[in-house]
Amino acid sequence: MAGALEGAGLTSDYDKSQEFGLTYAPDDFKIKGVDKFANSYYMLRHNDRSNFFSKDIEGAELYGAYANSIRGNLNADHNENKQSSEDIKNSYLEQLE
């Protein structure tokens, strides 16, 4: 879609508009629901070993940012679970004293 918009003389890059005489129209590049589509697509990309889903989605976060976000969430969940387990263990130990 970005290619079609750029073919029509629109761009979301201000510097590019000045350099090449294109119309600066960043709102035209914003697509409602792209974040949900990107999440599904990047999940497929993450699980795909043949590299079929190798393109980033224009207007959404890049795949690298998505992957780091998922890893960060997993690490945070792991740390919360570890802390909860430690709290449960300490609670039982206090009750046994």
C-alpha atoms as a PDB file:
ATOM      1  CA  MET A   1       0.000   0.000   0.000  1.00  0.00           C
ATOM      2  CA  ALA A   2       2.848   2.380   0.775  1.00  0.00           C
ATOM      3  CA  GLY A   3       4.182   1.796  -2.724  1.00  0.00           C
ATOM      4  CA  ALA A   4       0.808   2.725  -4.223  1.00  0.00           C
ATOM      5  CA  LEU A   5       0.624   5.909  -2.155  1.00  0.00           C
ATOM      6  CA  GLU A   6       4.164   6.854  -3.102  1.00  0.00           C
ATOM      7  CA  GLY A   7       3.326   6.100  -6.739  1.00  0.00           C
ATOM      8  CA  ALA A   8       0.511   8.635  -6.389  1.00  0.00           C
ATOM      9  CA  GLY A   9       3.017  11.241  -5.220  1.00  0.00           C
ATOM     10  CA  LEU A  10       2.420  11.002  -1.467  1.00  0.00           C
ATOM     11  CA  THR A  11       4.967  10.356   1.266  1.00  0.00           C
ATOM     12  CA  SER A  12       5.102  10.140   5.046  1.00  0.00           C
ATOM     13  CA  ASP A  13       8.708  11.399   5.076  1.00  0.00           C
ATOM     14  CA  TYR A  14       8.990  15.192   5.260  1.00  0.00           C
ATOM     15  CA  ASP A  15      12.578  15.282   4.008  1.00  0.00           C
ATOM     16  CA  LYS A  16      11.671  13.086   1.041  1.00  0.00           C
ATOM     17  CA  SER A  17       8.782  15.411   0.185  1.00  0.00           C
ATOM     18  CA  GLN A  18      11.124  18.398   0.120  1.00  0.00           C
ATOM     19  CA  GLU A  19      13.828  16.620  -1.850  1.00  0.00           C
ATOM     20  CA  PHE A  20      11.647  14.996  -4.514  1.00  0.00           C
ATOM     21  CA  GLY A  21       8.638  17.340  -4.631  1.00  0.00           C
ATOM     22  CA  LEU A  22       6.200  14.773  -3.221  1.00  0.00           C
ATOM     23  CA  THR A  23       3.119  15.670  -1.193  1.00  0.00           C
ATOM     24  CA  TYR A  24       3.724  15.260   2.548  1.00  0.00           C
ATOM     25  CA  ALA A  25       0.701  13.294   3.844  1.00  0.00           C
ATOM     26  CA  PRO A  26       1.641  11.222   6.920  1.00  0.00           C
ATOM     27  CA  ASP A  27      -2.001  10.625   7.916  1.00  0.00           C
ATOM     28  CA  ASP A  28      -2.673   8.793   4.662  1.00  0.00           C
ATOM     29  CA  PHE A  29      -0.103   6.175   5.688  1.00  0.00           C
ATOM     30  CA  LYS A  30      -1.842   5.429   9.002  1.00  0.00           C
ATOM     31  CA  ILE A  31      -4.061   2.368   8.700  1.00  0.00           C
ATOM     32  CA  LYS A  32      -6.706   1.561  11.304  1.00  0.00           C
ATOM     33  CA  GLY A  33      -6.090  -1.870  12.821  1.00  0.00           C
ATOM     34  CA  VAL A  34      -2.538  -2.259  11.484  1.00  0.00           C
ATOM     35  CA  ASP A  35      -1.274  -3.079  14.990  1.00  0.00           C
ATOM     36  CA  LYS A  36      -3.538  -6.155  15.212  1.00  0.00           C
ATOM     37  CA  PHE A  37      -2.528  -7.264  11.733  1.00  0.00           C
ATOM     38  CA  ALA A  38       1.160  -6.724  12.538  1.00  0.00           C
ATOM     39  CA  ASN A  39       0.883  -8.796  15.721  1.00  0.00           C
ATOM     40  CA  SER A  40      -0.642 -11.750  13.834  1.00  0.00           C
ATOM     41  CA  TYR A  41       1.787 -11.462  10.937  1.00  0.00           C
ATOM     42  CA  TYR A  42       4.857 -11.178  13.173  1.00  0.00           C
ATOM     43  CA  MET A  43       3.685 -14.209  15.167  1.00  0.00           C
ATOM     44  CA  LEU A  44       3.636 -16.171  11.913  1.00  0.00           C
ATOM     45  CA  ARG A  45       7.039 -14.765  11.019  1.00  0.00           C
ATOM     46  CA  HIS A  46       8.460 -15.726  14.400  1.00  0.00           C
ATOM     47  CA  ASN A  47       7.281 -19.326  14.047  1.00  0.00           C
ATOM     48  CA  ASP A  48       8.190 -19.662  10.355  1.00  0.00           C
ATOM     49  CA  ARG A  49      11.557 -21.317   9.724  1.00  0.00           C
ATOM     50  CA  SER A  50      11.437 -20.987   5.919  1.00  0.00           C
ATOM     51  CA  ASN A  51      11.616 -17.167   6.150  1.00  0.00           C
ATOM     52  CA  PHE A  52       8.463 -16.798   4.028  1.00  0.00           C
ATOM     53  CA  PHE A  53       7.214 -13.965   6.237  1.00  0.00           C
ATOM     54  CA  SER A  54      10.385 -11.891   6.013  1.00  0.00           C
ATOM     55  CA  LYS A  55       8.978  -8.421   5.282  1.00  0.00           C
ATOM     56  CA  ASP A  56       8.342  -5.696   7.823  1.00  0.00           C
ATOM     57  CA  ILE A  57       4.941  -4.011   7.771  1.00  0.00           C
ATOM     58  CA  GLU A  58       4.909  -0.401   6.634  1.00  0.00           C
ATOM     59  CA  GLY A  59       3.327   1.827   9.265  1.00  0.00           C
ATOM     60  CA  ALA A  60       3.706  -0.675  12.109  1.00  0.00           C
ATOM     61  CA  GLU A  61       6.566  -1.353  14.471  1.00  0.00           C
ATOM     62  CA  LEU A  62       9.471  -3.222  12.930  1.00  0.00           C
ATOM     63  CA  TYR A  63       9.845  -6.952  13.527  1.00  0.00           C
ATOM     64  CA  GLY A  64      12.955  -6.448  15.667  1.00  0.00           C
ATOM     65  CA  ALA A  65      11.041  -4.172  18.037  1.00  0.00           C
ATOM     66  CA  TYR A  66       8.172  -6.692  18.150  1.00  0.00           C
ATOM     67  CA  ALA A  67      10.542  -9.582  18.949  1.00  0.00           C
ATOM     68  CA  ASN A  68      12.298  -7.590  21.690  1.00  0.00           C
ATOM     69  CA  SER A  69       8.942  -6.636  23.172  1.00  0.00           C
ATOM     70  CA  ILE A  70       7.861 -10.291  23.319  1.00  0.00           C
ATOM     71  CA  ARG A  71      11.182 -11.317  24.902  1.00  0.00           C
ATOM     72  CA  GLY A  72      10.863  -8.492  27.428  1.00  0.00           C
ATOM     73  CA  ASN A  73       7.344  -9.588  28.354  1.00  0.00           C
ATOM     74  CA  LEU A  74       8.468 -13.194  28.786  1.00  0.00           C
ATOM     75  CA  ASN A  75      11.358 -12.121  31.011  1.00  0.00           C
ATOM     76  CA  ALA A  76       9.078  -9.901  33.097  1.00  0.00           C
ATOM     77  CA  ASP A  77       6.564 -12.742  33.493  1.00  0.00           C
ATOM     78  CA  HIS A  78       9.347 -15.125  34.494  1.00  0.00           C
ATOM     79  CA  ASN A  79      10.660 -12.687  37.109  1.00  0.00           C
ATOM     80  CA  GLU A  80       7.153 -12.135  38.499  1.00  0.00           C
ATOM     81  CA  ASN A  81       6.568 -15.888  38.726  1.00  0.00           C
ATOM     82  CA  LYS A  82       9.941 -16.391  40.386  1.00  0.00           C
ATOM     83  CA  GLN A  83       9.155 -13.651  42.914  1.00  0.00           C
ATOM     84  CA  SER A  84       5.685 -15.100  43.571  1.00  0.00           C
ATOM     85  CA  SER A  85       7.199 -18.549  44.140  1.00  0.00           C
ATOM     86  CA  GLU A  86       9.715 -17.053  46.565  1.00  0.00           C
ATOM     87  CA  ASP A  87       6.911 -15.224  48.416  1.00  0.00           C
ATOM     88  CA  ILE A  88       4.852 -18.438  48.691  1.00  0.00           C
ATOM     89  CA  LYS A  89       7.857 -20.374  49.971  1.00  0.00           C
ATOM     90  CA  ASN A  90       8.633 -17.680  52.568  1.00  0.00           C
ATOM     91  CA  SER A  91       4.988 -17.614  53.662  1.00  0.00           C
ATOM     92  CA  TYR A  92       5.024 -21.378  54.291  1.00  0.00           C
ATOM     93  CA  LEU A  93       8.334 -21.165  56.124  1.00  0.00           C
ATOM     94  CA  GLU A  94       6.955 -18.423  58.377  1.00  0.00           C
ATOM     95  CA  GLN A  95       3.918 -20.551  59.177  1.00  0.00           C
ATOM     96  CA  LEU A  96       6.145 -23.504  60.131  1.00  0.00           C
ATOM     97  CA  GLU A  97       8.254 -21.472  62.550  1.00  0.00           C
END
